[in-house]
Every structure is written in structure tokens, then in C-alpha cells.
């Protein structure tokens, strides 16, 4: 997966389409990313020591990585991430975007 923790991404499909966030966690095996505050769902919680009130909580759920796109730091546009060969070395496009800023 080309996305990493800390990358700024924009959601391109679904109920939160157009919103931006920073990746908090990457789930490589299931090809999903977690964006805090986005893709929120209701979870019913039973009373316990941890939650004495119980009730309904808002919980962020992981999004499929195909539903988000990397946002370039300099142009603020969504871009595809890939690799480029420079001087016989394989360099990720992320490093090129970081050099420009």
C-alpha cells in the first residue's frame, strides 16, 4: 500500500465525499485506513466500569484505501502515488512532492 500514517488524504466516494483528513492508522492486510473524525458510525455501548452511563457513541470506522486519494502538500490537489526511476534509483512520488515544498 502506498499510503502511510500521517498522509493528508481526501475521500473520493461515500457519505463523506470531499472531506479531508490525516491518516491515523493503516491496516495493510485488509487494505483500509483510519481517519479520525470521519466515517463515523453509532455504536451502542452497555453499562460498564469504563462507560458507567452506557448509551450510544460515535466511533470512526476504517475506510477502504481505494476510496481515498493523497493530497499534495504544495498544490493541494489530489494525486496518484507511484514510483519514478531517477539515476537508477526507485524513488516514490511522495519524496518528490516533499522536495518541492
PDB file of N, CA and C in Angstrom:
ATOM      1  N   UNK A   1       0.845  -1.172   0.000  1.00  0.00           N
ATOM      2  CA  UNK A   1       0.000   0.000   0.000  1.00  0.00           C
ATOM      3  C   UNK A   1       0.895   1.242   0.000  1.00  0.00           C
ATOM      4  N   UNK A   2       0.540   2.222  -0.806  1.00  0.00           N
ATOM      5  CA  UNK A   2       1.378   3.398  -0.952  1.00  0.00           C
ATOM      6  C   UNK A   2       1.057   4.487   0.063  1.00  0.00           C
ATOM      7  N   UNK A   3      -0.083   4.395   0.726  1.00  0.00           N
ATOM      8  CA  UNK A   3      -0.449   5.378   1.743  1.00  0.00           C
ATOM      9  C   UNK A   3       0.229   5.040   3.071  1.00  0.00           C
ATOM     10  N   UNK A   4       0.580   6.085   3.833  1.00  0.00           N
ATOM     11  CA  UNK A   4       1.249   5.896   5.120  1.00  0.00           C
ATOM     12  C   UNK A   4       0.555   6.711   6.203  1.00  0.00           C
ATOM     13  N   UNK A   5       0.867   6.384   7.442  1.00  0.00           N
ATOM     14  CA  UNK A   5       0.357   7.140   8.579  1.00  0.00           C
ATOM     15  C   UNK A   5       0.863   8.577   8.480  1.00  0.00           C
ATOM     16  N   UNK A   6      -0.026   9.536   8.697  1.00  0.00           N
ATOM     17  CA  UNK A   6       0.359  10.943   8.643  1.00  0.00           C
ATOM     18  C   UNK A   6       0.103  11.608   7.304  1.00  0.00           C
ATOM     19  N   UNK A   7      -0.243  10.840   6.277  1.00  0.00           N
ATOM     20  CA  UNK A   7      -0.542  11.417   4.964  1.00  0.00           C
ATOM     21  C   UNK A   7      -1.876  12.144   4.997  1.00  0.00           C
ATOM     22  N   UNK A   8      -1.947  13.273   4.294  1.00  0.00           N
ATOM     23  CA  UNK A   8      -3.208  14.000   4.168  1.00  0.00           C
ATOM     24  C   UNK A   8      -3.925  13.443   2.948  1.00  0.00           C
ATOM     25  N   UNK A   9      -5.195  13.046   3.140  1.00  0.00           N
ATOM     26  CA  UNK A   9      -5.965  12.430   2.060  1.00  0.00           C
ATOM     27  C   UNK A   9      -7.343  13.067   1.964  1.00  0.00           C
ATOM     28  N   UNK A  10      -7.972  12.900   0.793  1.00  0.00           N
ATOM     29  CA  UNK A  10      -9.337  13.365   0.560  1.00  0.00           C
ATOM     30  C   UNK A  10     -10.181  12.155   0.198  1.00  0.00           C
ATOM     31  N   UNK A  11     -11.397  12.080   0.779  1.00  0.00           N
ATOM     32  CA  UNK A  11     -12.311  10.985   0.483  1.00  0.00           C
ATOM     33  C   UNK A  11     -12.966  11.264  -0.865  1.00  0.00           C
ATOM     34  N   UNK A  12     -12.937  10.270  -1.778  1.00  0.00           N
ATOM     35  CA  UNK A  12     -13.446  10.485  -3.129  1.00  0.00           C
ATOM     36  C   UNK A  12     -14.783   9.798  -3.388  1.00  0.00           C
ATOM     37  N   UNK A  13     -15.291   9.005  -2.435  1.00  0.00           N
ATOM     38  CA  UNK A  13     -16.606   8.399  -2.612  1.00  0.00           C
ATOM     39  C   UNK A  13     -17.204   8.063  -1.255  1.00  0.00           C
ATOM     40  N   UNK A  14     -18.519   7.940  -1.228  1.00  0.00           N
ATOM     41  CA  UNK A  14     -19.199   7.597   0.007  1.00  0.00           C
ATOM     42  C   UNK A  14     -19.872   8.790   0.645  1.00  0.00           C
ATOM     43  N   UNK A  15     -20.351   8.604   1.869  1.00  0.00           N
ATOM     44  CA  UNK A  15     -21.130   9.646   2.537  1.00  0.00           C
ATOM     45  C   UNK A  15     -20.297  10.859   2.935  1.00  0.00           C
ATOM     46  N   UNK A  16     -18.988  10.701   3.096  1.00  0.00           N
ATOM     47  CA  UNK A  16     -18.102  11.807   3.469  1.00  0.00           C
ATOM     48  C   UNK A  16     -17.291  12.329   2.293  1.00  0.00           C
ATOM     49  N   UNK A  17     -17.797  12.159   1.080  1.00  0.00           N
ATOM     50  CA  UNK A  17     -17.075  12.556  -0.135  1.00  0.00           C
ATOM     51  C   UNK A  17     -16.685  14.030  -0.075  1.00  0.00           C
ATOM     52  N   UNK A  18     -15.405  14.316  -0.402  1.00  0.00           N
ATOM     53  CA  UNK A  18     -14.902  15.682  -0.433  1.00  0.00           C
ATOM     54  C   UNK A  18     -14.222  16.129   0.850  1.00  0.00           C
ATOM     55  N   UNK A  19     -14.391  15.399   1.939  1.00  0.00           N
ATOM     56  CA  UNK A  19     -13.767  15.780   3.207  1.00  0.00           C
ATOM     57  C   UNK A  19     -12.316  15.322   3.233  1.00  0.00           C
ATOM     58  N   UNK A  20     -11.494  16.079   3.964  1.00  0.00           N
ATOM     59  CA  UNK A  20     -10.066  15.760   4.065  1.00  0.00           C
ATOM     60  C   UNK A  20      -9.706  15.415   5.500  1.00  0.00           C
ATOM     61  N   UNK A  21      -8.687  14.593   5.638  1.00  0.00           N
ATOM     62  CA  UNK A  21      -8.206  14.215   6.949  1.00  0.00           C
ATOM     63  C   UNK A  21      -6.815  13.634   6.865  1.00  0.00           C
ATOM     64  N   UNK A  22      -6.229  13.367   8.021  1.00  0.00           N
ATOM     65  CA  UNK A  22      -4.895  12.788   8.106  1.00  0.00           C
ATOM     66  C   UNK A  22      -5.016  11.346   8.582  1.00  0.00           C
ATOM     67  N   UNK A  23      -4.294  10.456   7.944  1.00  0.00           N
ATOM     68  CA  UNK A  23      -4.366   9.037   8.278  1.00  0.00           C
ATOM     69  C   UNK A  23      -3.788   8.807   9.669  1.00  0.00           C
ATOM     70  N   UNK A  24      -4.578   8.151  10.511  1.00  0.00           N
ATOM     71  CA  UNK A  24      -4.150   7.838  11.874  1.00  0.00           C
ATOM     72  C   UNK A  24      -3.555   6.439  11.950  1.00  0.00           C
ATOM     73  N   UNK A  25      -4.116   5.514  11.183  1.00  0.00           N
ATOM     74  CA  UNK A  25      -3.635   4.135  11.207  1.00  0.00           C
ATOM     75  C   UNK A  25      -3.884   3.478   9.861  1.00  0.00           C
ATOM     76  N   UNK A  26      -2.965   2.593   9.457  1.00  0.00           N
ATOM     77  CA  UNK A  26      -3.087   1.858   8.197  1.00  0.00           C
ATOM     78  C   UNK A  26      -3.218   0.375   8.508  1.00  0.00           C
ATOM     79  N   UNK A  27      -4.250  -0.254   7.945  1.00  0.00           N
ATOM     80  CA  UNK A  27      -4.457  -1.696   8.087  1.00  0.00           C
ATOM     81  C   UNK A  27      -4.058  -2.337   6.760  1.00  0.00           C
ATOM     82  N   UNK A  28      -2.830  -2.822   6.669  1.00  0.00           N
ATOM     83  CA  UNK A  28      -2.311  -3.331   5.395  1.00  0.00           C
ATOM     84  C   UNK A  28      -2.982  -4.613   4.942  1.00  0.00           C
ATOM     85  N   UNK A  29      -3.294  -5.530   5.879  1.00  0.00           N
ATOM     86  CA  UNK A  29      -3.881  -6.810   5.496  1.00  0.00           C
ATOM     87  C   UNK A  29      -5.257  -6.651   4.871  1.00  0.00           C
ATOM     88  N   UNK A  30      -6.055  -5.716   5.389  1.00  0.00           N
ATOM     89  CA  UNK A  30      -7.400  -5.523   4.861  1.00  0.00           C
ATOM     90  C   UNK A  30      -7.490  -4.333   3.910  1.00  0.00           C
ATOM     91  N   UNK A  31      -6.368  -3.664   3.617  1.00  0.00           N
ATOM     92  CA  UNK A  31      -6.295  -2.547   2.673  1.00  0.00           C
ATOM     93  C   UNK A  31      -7.219  -1.401   3.101  1.00  0.00           C
ATOM     94  N   UNK A  32      -7.164  -1.034   4.389  1.00  0.00           N
ATOM     95  CA  UNK A  32      -8.018   0.028   4.920  1.00  0.00           C
ATOM     96  C   UNK A  32      -7.190   1.056   5.666  1.00  0.00           C
ATOM     97  N   UNK A  33      -7.753   2.276   5.782  1.00  0.00           N
ATOM     98  CA  UNK A  33      -7.109   3.346   6.536  1.00  0.00           C
ATOM     99  C   UNK A  33      -8.123   3.944   7.506  1.00  0.00           C
ATOM    100  N   UNK A  34      -7.639   4.444   8.643  1.00  0.00           N
ATOM    101  CA  UNK A  34      -8.495   5.047   9.651  1.00  0.00           C
ATOM    102  C   UNK A  34      -8.251   6.548   9.673  1.00  0.00           C
ATOM    103  N   UNK A  35      -9.331   7.323   9.497  1.00  0.00           N
ATOM    104  CA  UNK A  35      -9.263   8.779   9.536  1.00  0.00           C
ATOM    105  C   UNK A  35     -10.067   9.255  10.746  1.00  0.00           C
ATOM    106  N   UNK A  36      -9.432   9.892  11.728  1.00  0.00           N
ATOM    107  CA  UNK A  36     -10.175  10.305  12.924  1.00  0.00           C
ATOM    108  C   UNK A  36     -11.202  11.385  12.588  1.00  0.00           C
ATOM    109  N   UNK A  37     -12.408  11.218  13.114  1.00  0.00           N
ATOM    110  CA  UNK A  37     -13.465  12.200  12.900  1.00  0.00           C
ATOM    111  C   UNK A  37     -14.229  12.040  11.599  1.00  0.00           C
ATOM    112  N   UNK A  38     -13.830  11.088  10.778  1.00  0.00           N
ATOM    113  CA  UNK A  38     -14.516  10.843   9.506  1.00  0.00           C
ATOM    114  C   UNK A  38     -15.009   9.405   9.462  1.00  0.00           C
ATOM    115  N   UNK A  39     -16.028   9.155   8.644  1.00  0.00           N
ATOM    116  CA  UNK A  39     -16.661   7.836   8.523  1.00  0.00           C
ATOM    117  C   UNK A  39     -17.163   7.367   9.892  1.00  0.00           C
ATOM    118  N   UNK A  40     -17.900   8.255  10.570  1.00  0.00           N
ATOM    119  CA  UNK A  40     -18.396   7.989  11.921  1.00  0.00           C
ATOM    120  C   UNK A  40     -19.665   7.141  11.884  1.00  0.00           C
ATOM    121  N   UNK A  41     -19.747   6.189  12.802  1.00  0.00           N
ATOM    122  CA  UNK A  41     -20.909   5.326  12.947  1.00  0.00           C
ATOM    123  C   UNK A  41     -21.324   5.290  14.412  1.00  0.00           C
ATOM    124  N   UNK A  42     -22.580   4.964  14.642  1.00  0.00           N
ATOM    125  CA  UNK A  42     -23.115   4.855  16.002  1.00  0.00           C
ATOM    126  C   UNK A  42     -22.842   3.464  16.539  1.00  0.00           C
ATOM    127  N   UNK A  43     -22.406   3.391  17.803  1.00  0.00           N
ATOM    128  CA  UNK A  43     -22.179   2.110  18.454  1.00  0.00           C
ATOM    129  C   UNK A  43     -22.901   2.132  19.794  1.00  0.00           C
ATOM    130  N   UNK A  44     -23.726   1.123  20.031  1.00  0.00           N
ATOM    131  CA  UNK A  44     -24.457   1.025  21.288  1.00  0.00           C
ATOM    132  C   UNK A  44     -23.561   0.342  22.318  1.00  0.00           C
ATOM    133  N   UNK A  45     -23.372   1.008  23.468  1.00  0.00           N
ATOM    134  CA  UNK A  45     -22.452   0.524  24.487  1.00  0.00           C
ATOM    135  C   UNK A  45     -23.229   0.197  25.753  1.00  0.00           C
ATOM    136  N   UNK A  46     -22.983  -0.986  26.285  1.00  0.00           N
ATOM    137  CA  UNK A  46     -23.611  -1.424  27.528  1.00  0.00           C
ATOM    138  C   UNK A  46     -22.923  -0.751  28.712  1.00  0.00           C
ATOM    139  N   UNK A  47     -23.623  -0.592  29.814  1.00  0.00           N
ATOM    140  CA  UNK A  47     -23.013  -0.020  31.014  1.00  0.00           C
ATOM    141  C   UNK A  47     -21.863  -0.899  31.486  1.00  0.00           C
ATOM    142  N   UNK A  48     -20.771  -0.261  31.881  1.00  0.00           N
ATOM    143  CA  UNK A  48     -19.611  -0.990  32.407  1.00  0.00           C
ATOM    144  C   UNK A  48     -18.802  -0.027  33.271  1.00  0.00           C
ATOM    145  N   UNK A  49     -17.706  -0.506  33.812  1.00  0.00           N
ATOM    146  CA  UNK A  49     -16.846   0.364  34.602  1.00  0.00           C
ATOM    147  C   UNK A  49     -16.247   1.469  33.733  1.00  0.00           C
ATOM    148  N   UNK A  50     -15.931   1.116  32.508  1.00  0.00           N
ATOM    149  CA  UNK A  50     -15.324   2.065  31.590  1.00  0.00           C
ATOM    150  C   UNK A  50     -16.348   3.105  31.118  1.00  0.00           C
ATOM    151  N   UNK A  51     -17.593   2.679  30.860  1.00  0.00           N
ATOM    152  CA  UNK A  51     -18.671   3.561  30.423  1.00  0.00           C
ATOM    153  C   UNK A  51     -19.857   3.422  31.377  1.00  0.00           C
ATOM    154  N   UNK A  52     -19.832   4.138  32.513  1.00  0.00           N
ATOM    155  CA  UNK A  52     -20.890   3.966  33.508  1.00  0.00           C
ATOM    156  C   UNK A  52     -22.271   4.374  33.006  1.00  0.00           C
ATOM    157  N   UNK A  53     -22.346   5.302  32.068  1.00  0.00           N
ATOM    158  CA  UNK A  53     -23.636   5.719  31.533  1.00  0.00           C
ATOM    159  C   UNK A  53     -24.166   4.744  30.488  1.00  0.00           C
ATOM    160  N   UNK A  54     -23.269   4.136  29.709  1.00  0.00           N
ATOM    161  CA  UNK A  54     -23.705   3.319  28.581  1.00  0.00           C
ATOM    162  C   UNK A  54     -24.234   4.235  27.498  1.00  0.00           C
ATOM    163  N   UNK A  55     -25.099   3.727  26.620  1.00  0.00           N
ATOM    164  CA  UNK A  55     -25.731   4.569  25.601  1.00  0.00           C
ATOM    165  C   UNK A  55     -25.120   4.404  24.229  1.00  0.00           C
ATOM    166  N   UNK A  56     -25.268   5.455  23.415  1.00  0.00           N
ATOM    167  CA  UNK A  56     -24.832   5.427  22.022  1.00  0.00           C
ATOM    168  C   UNK A  56     -23.609   6.321  21.864  1.00  0.00           C
ATOM    169  N   UNK A  57     -22.556   5.771  21.233  1.00  0.00           N
ATOM    170  CA  UNK A  57     -21.315   6.522  20.999  1.00  0.00           C
ATOM    171  C   UNK A  57     -21.060   6.644  19.505  1.00  0.00           C
ATOM    172  N   UNK A  58     -20.347   7.703  19.114  1.00  0.00           N
ATOM    173  CA  UNK A  58     -19.878   7.833  17.731  1.00  0.00           C
ATOM    174  C   UNK A  58     -18.483   7.241  17.647  1.00  0.00           C
ATOM    175  N   UNK A  59     -18.271   6.334  16.696  1.00  0.00           N
ATOM    176  CA  UNK A  59     -16.997   5.639  16.545  1.00  0.00           C
ATOM    177  C   UNK A  59     -16.539   5.743  15.094  1.00  0.00           C
ATOM    178  N   UNK A  60     -15.269   6.125  14.837  1.00  0.00           N
ATOM    179  CA  UNK A  60     -14.785   6.131  13.453  1.00  0.00           C
ATOM    180  C   UNK A  60     -14.482   4.708  12.989  1.00  0.00           C
ATOM    181  N   UNK A  61     -14.865   4.391  11.762  1.00  0.00           N
ATOM    182  CA  UNK A  61     -14.575   3.085  11.183  1.00  0.00           C
ATOM    183  C   UNK A  61     -13.563   3.240  10.064  1.00  0.00           C
ATOM    184  N   UNK A  62     -12.758   2.207   9.825  1.00  0.00           N
ATOM    185  CA  UNK A  62     -11.777   2.283   8.740  1.00  0.00           C
ATOM    186  C   UNK A  62     -12.454   2.356   7.372  1.00  0.00           C
ATOM    187  N   UNK A  63     -11.828   3.088   6.465  1.00  0.00           N
ATOM    188  CA  UNK A  63     -12.275   3.216   5.074  1.00  0.00           C
ATOM    189  C   UNK A  63     -11.374   2.377   4.188  1.00  0.00           C
ATOM    190  N   UNK A  64     -11.922   1.889   3.091  1.00  0.00           N
ATOM    191  CA  UNK A  64     -11.091   1.185   2.122  1.00  0.00           C
ATOM    192  C   UNK A  64     -10.126   2.187   1.490  1.00  0.00           C
ATOM    193  N   UNK A  65      -8.913   1.779   1.260  1.00  0.00           N
ATOM    194  CA  UNK A  65      -7.886   2.669   0.722  1.00  0.00           C
ATOM    195  C   UNK A  65      -8.215   3.157  -0.684  1.00  0.00           C
ATOM    196  N   UNK A  66      -9.053   2.416  -1.412  1.00  0.00           N
ATOM    197  CA  UNK A  66      -9.410   2.829  -2.765  1.00  0.00           C
ATOM    198  C   UNK A  66     -10.378   4.009  -2.756  1.00  0.00           C
ATOM    199  N   UNK A  67     -10.946   4.355  -1.608  1.00  0.00           N
ATOM    200  CA  UNK A  67     -11.898   5.462  -1.512  1.00  0.00           C
ATOM    201  C   UNK A  67     -11.248   6.765  -1.094  1.00  0.00           C
ATOM    202  N   UNK A  68      -9.928   6.775  -0.928  1.00  0.00           N
ATOM    203  CA  UNK A  68      -9.219   7.998  -0.563  1.00  0.00           C
ATOM    204  C   UNK A  68      -8.082   8.244  -1.553  1.00  0.00           C
ATOM    205  N   UNK A  69      -7.719   9.535  -1.709  1.00  0.00           N
ATOM    206  CA  UNK A  69      -6.593   9.899  -2.572  1.00  0.00           C
ATOM    207  C   UNK A  69      -5.667  10.845  -1.818  1.00  0.00           C
ATOM    208  N   UNK A  70      -4.392  10.701  -2.064  1.00  0.00           N
ATOM    209  CA  UNK A  70      -3.343  11.515  -1.462  1.00  0.00           C
ATOM    210  C   UNK A  70      -3.485  12.967  -1.917  1.00  0.00           C
ATOM    211  N   UNK A  71      -3.330  13.923  -0.981  1.00  0.00           N
ATOM    212  CA  UNK A  71      -3.378  15.345  -1.302  1.00  0.00           C
ATOM    213  C   UNK A  71      -1.963  15.886  -1.270  1.00  0.00           C
ATOM    214  N   UNK A  72      -1.527  16.468  -2.383  1.00  0.00           N
ATOM    215  CA  UNK A  72      -0.188  17.033  -2.475  1.00  0.00           C
ATOM    216  C   UNK A  72      -0.076  18.243  -1.566  1.00  0.00           C
ATOM    217  N   UNK A  73       1.056  18.362  -0.864  1.00  0.00           N
ATOM    218  CA  UNK A  73       1.257  19.449   0.085  1.00  0.00           C
ATOM    219  C   UNK A  73       1.408  20.806  -0.569  1.00  0.00           C
ATOM    220  N   UNK A  74       1.964  20.848  -1.770  1.00  0.00           N
ATOM    221  CA  UNK A  74       2.224  22.126  -2.414  1.00  0.00           C
ATOM    222  C   UNK A  74       1.027  22.636  -3.208  1.00  0.00           C
ATOM    223  N   UNK A  75       0.414  21.773  -4.007  1.00  0.00           N
ATOM    224  CA  UNK A  75      -0.673  22.216  -4.882  1.00  0.00           C
ATOM    225  C   UNK A  75      -2.052  22.032  -4.275  1.00  0.00           C
ATOM    226  N   UNK A  76      -2.151  21.268  -3.186  1.00  0.00           N
ATOM    227  CA  UNK A  76      -3.431  20.975  -2.520  1.00  0.00           C
ATOM    228  C   UNK A  76      -4.408  20.257  -3.442  1.00  0.00           C
ATOM    229  N   UNK A  77      -3.880  19.532  -4.425  1.00  0.00           N
ATOM    230  CA  UNK A  77      -4.711  18.746  -5.340  1.00  0.00           C
ATOM    231  C   UNK A  77      -4.502  17.266  -5.054  1.00  0.00           C
ATOM    232  N   UNK A  78      -5.520  16.461  -5.378  1.00  0.00           N
ATOM    233  CA  UNK A  78      -5.375  15.022  -5.199  1.00  0.00           C
ATOM    234  C   UNK A  78      -4.499  14.479  -6.318  1.00  0.00           C
ATOM    235  N   UNK A  79      -3.617  13.559  -5.962  1.00  0.00           N
ATOM    236  CA  UNK A  79      -2.697  12.982  -6.930  1.00  0.00           C
ATOM    237  C   UNK A  79      -2.576  11.488  -6.693  1.00  0.00           C
ATOM    238  N   UNK A  80      -2.164  10.789  -7.718  1.00  0.00           N
ATOM    239  CA  UNK A  80      -1.872   9.371  -7.585  1.00  0.00           C
ATOM    240  C   UNK A  80      -0.438   9.219  -7.120  1.00  0.00           C
ATOM    241  N   UNK A  81      -0.230   8.272  -6.239  1.00  0.00           N
ATOM    242  CA  UNK A  81       1.124   7.988  -5.786  1.00  0.00           C
ATOM    243  C   UNK A  81       1.708   6.867  -6.627  1.00  0.00           C
ATOM    244  N   UNK A  82       2.967   6.982  -6.924  1.00  0.00           N
ATOM    245  CA  UNK A  82       3.632   5.953  -7.699  1.00  0.00           C
ATOM    246  C   UNK A  82       5.121   6.024  -7.456  1.00  0.00           C
ATOM    247  N   UNK A  83       5.878   5.489  -8.377  1.00  0.00           N
ATOM    248  CA  UNK A  83       7.329   5.482  -8.258  1.00  0.00           C
ATOM    249  C   UNK A  83       7.946   5.991  -9.541  1.00  0.00           C
ATOM    250  N   UNK A  84       9.108   6.654  -9.424  1.00  0.00           N
ATOM    251  CA  UNK A  84       9.851   7.187 -10.550  1.00  0.00           C
ATOM    252  C   UNK A  84      11.286   6.702 -10.420  1.00  0.00           C
ATOM    253  N   UNK A  85      11.922   6.387 -11.550  1.00  0.00           N
ATOM    254  CA  UNK A  85      13.321   5.966 -11.532  1.00  0.00           C
ATOM    255  C   UNK A  85      14.184   7.165 -11.890  1.00  0.00           C
ATOM    256  N   UNK A  86      15.052   7.582 -10.942  1.00  0.00           N
ATOM    257  CA  UNK A  86      15.980   8.691 -11.163  1.00  0.00           C
ATOM    258  C   UNK A  86      17.395   8.202 -10.879  1.00  0.00           C
ATOM    259  N   UNK A  87      18.281   8.355 -11.833  1.00  0.00           N
ATOM    260  CA  UNK A  87      19.679   7.951 -11.686  1.00  0.00           C
ATOM    261  C   UNK A  87      19.801   6.491 -11.253  1.00  0.00           C
ATOM    262  N   UNK A  88      18.937   5.638 -11.769  1.00  0.00           N
ATOM    263  CA  UNK A  88      18.992   4.222 -11.456  1.00  0.00           C
ATOM    264  C   UNK A  88      18.413   3.841 -10.112  1.00  0.00           C
ATOM    265  N   UNK A  89      17.799   4.810  -9.399  1.00  0.00           N
ATOM    266  CA  UNK A  89      17.185   4.528  -8.105  1.00  0.00           C
ATOM    267  C   UNK A  89      15.676   4.713  -8.199  1.00  0.00           C
ATOM    268  N   UNK A  90      14.954   3.849  -7.505  1.00  0.00           N
ATOM    269  CA  UNK A  90      13.496   3.920  -7.475  1.00  0.00           C
ATOM    270  C   UNK A  90      13.089   4.866  -6.343  1.00  0.00           C
ATOM    271  N   UNK A  91      12.405   5.969  -6.689  1.00  0.00           N
ATOM    272  CA  UNK A  91      12.014   6.988  -5.732  1.00  0.00           C
ATOM    273  C   UNK A  91      10.491   7.119  -5.755  1.00  0.00           C
ATOM    274  N   UNK A  92       9.877   7.210  -4.563  1.00  0.00           N
ATOM    275  CA  UNK A  92       8.423   7.369  -4.517  1.00  0.00           C
ATOM    276  C   UNK A  92       8.058   8.819  -4.839  1.00  0.00           C
ATOM    277  N   UNK A  93       6.881   9.009  -5.400  1.00  0.00           N
ATOM    278  CA  UNK A  93       6.407  10.350  -5.739  1.00  0.00           C
ATOM    279  C   UNK A  93       6.232  11.204  -4.498  1.00  0.00           C
ATOM    280  N   UNK A  94       5.983  10.591  -3.349  1.00  0.00           N
ATOM    281  CA  UNK A  94       5.833  11.322  -2.089  1.00  0.00           C
ATOM    282  C   UNK A  94       7.101  12.128  -1.797  1.00  0.00           C
ATOM    283  N   UNK A  95       8.267  11.525  -2.028  1.00  0.00           N
ATOM    284  CA  UNK A  95       9.531  12.219  -1.774  1.00  0.00           C
ATOM    285  C   UNK A  95       9.712  13.397  -2.723  1.00  0.00           C
ATOM    286  N   UNK A  96       9.261  13.260  -3.960  1.00  0.00           N
ATOM    287  CA  UNK A  96       9.358  14.353  -4.929  1.00  0.00           C
ATOM    288  C   UNK A  96       8.467  15.506  -4.484  1.00  0.00           C
ATOM    289  N   UNK A  97       7.242  15.206  -4.011  1.00  0.00           N
ATOM    290  CA  UNK A  97       6.332  16.260  -3.541  1.00  0.00           C
ATOM    291  C   UNK A  97       6.928  16.970  -2.319  1.00  0.00           C
ATOM    292  N   UNK A  98       7.612  16.226  -1.453  1.00  0.00           N
ATOM    293  CA  UNK A  98       8.209  16.831  -0.261  1.00  0.00           C
ATOM    294  C   UNK A  98       9.376  17.734  -0.628  1.00  0.00           C
ATOM    295  N   UNK A  99      10.131  17.359  -1.678  1.00  0.00           N
ATOM    296  CA  UNK A  99      11.254  18.185  -2.128  1.00  0.00           C
ATOM    297  C   UNK A  99      10.764  19.525  -2.666  1.00  0.00           C
ATOM    298  N   UNK A 100       9.601  19.513  -3.343  1.00  0.00           N
ATOM    299  CA  UNK A 100       9.071  20.734  -3.952  1.00  0.00           C
ATOM    300  C   UNK A 100       8.613  21.748  -2.910  1.00  0.00           C
ATOM    301  N   UNK A 101       8.166  21.251  -1.744  1.00  0.00           N
ATOM    302  CA  UNK A 101       7.630  22.187  -0.738  1.00  0.00           C
ATOM    303  C   UNK A 101       8.699  22.749   0.164  1.00  0.00           C
TER     304      UNK A 101
END
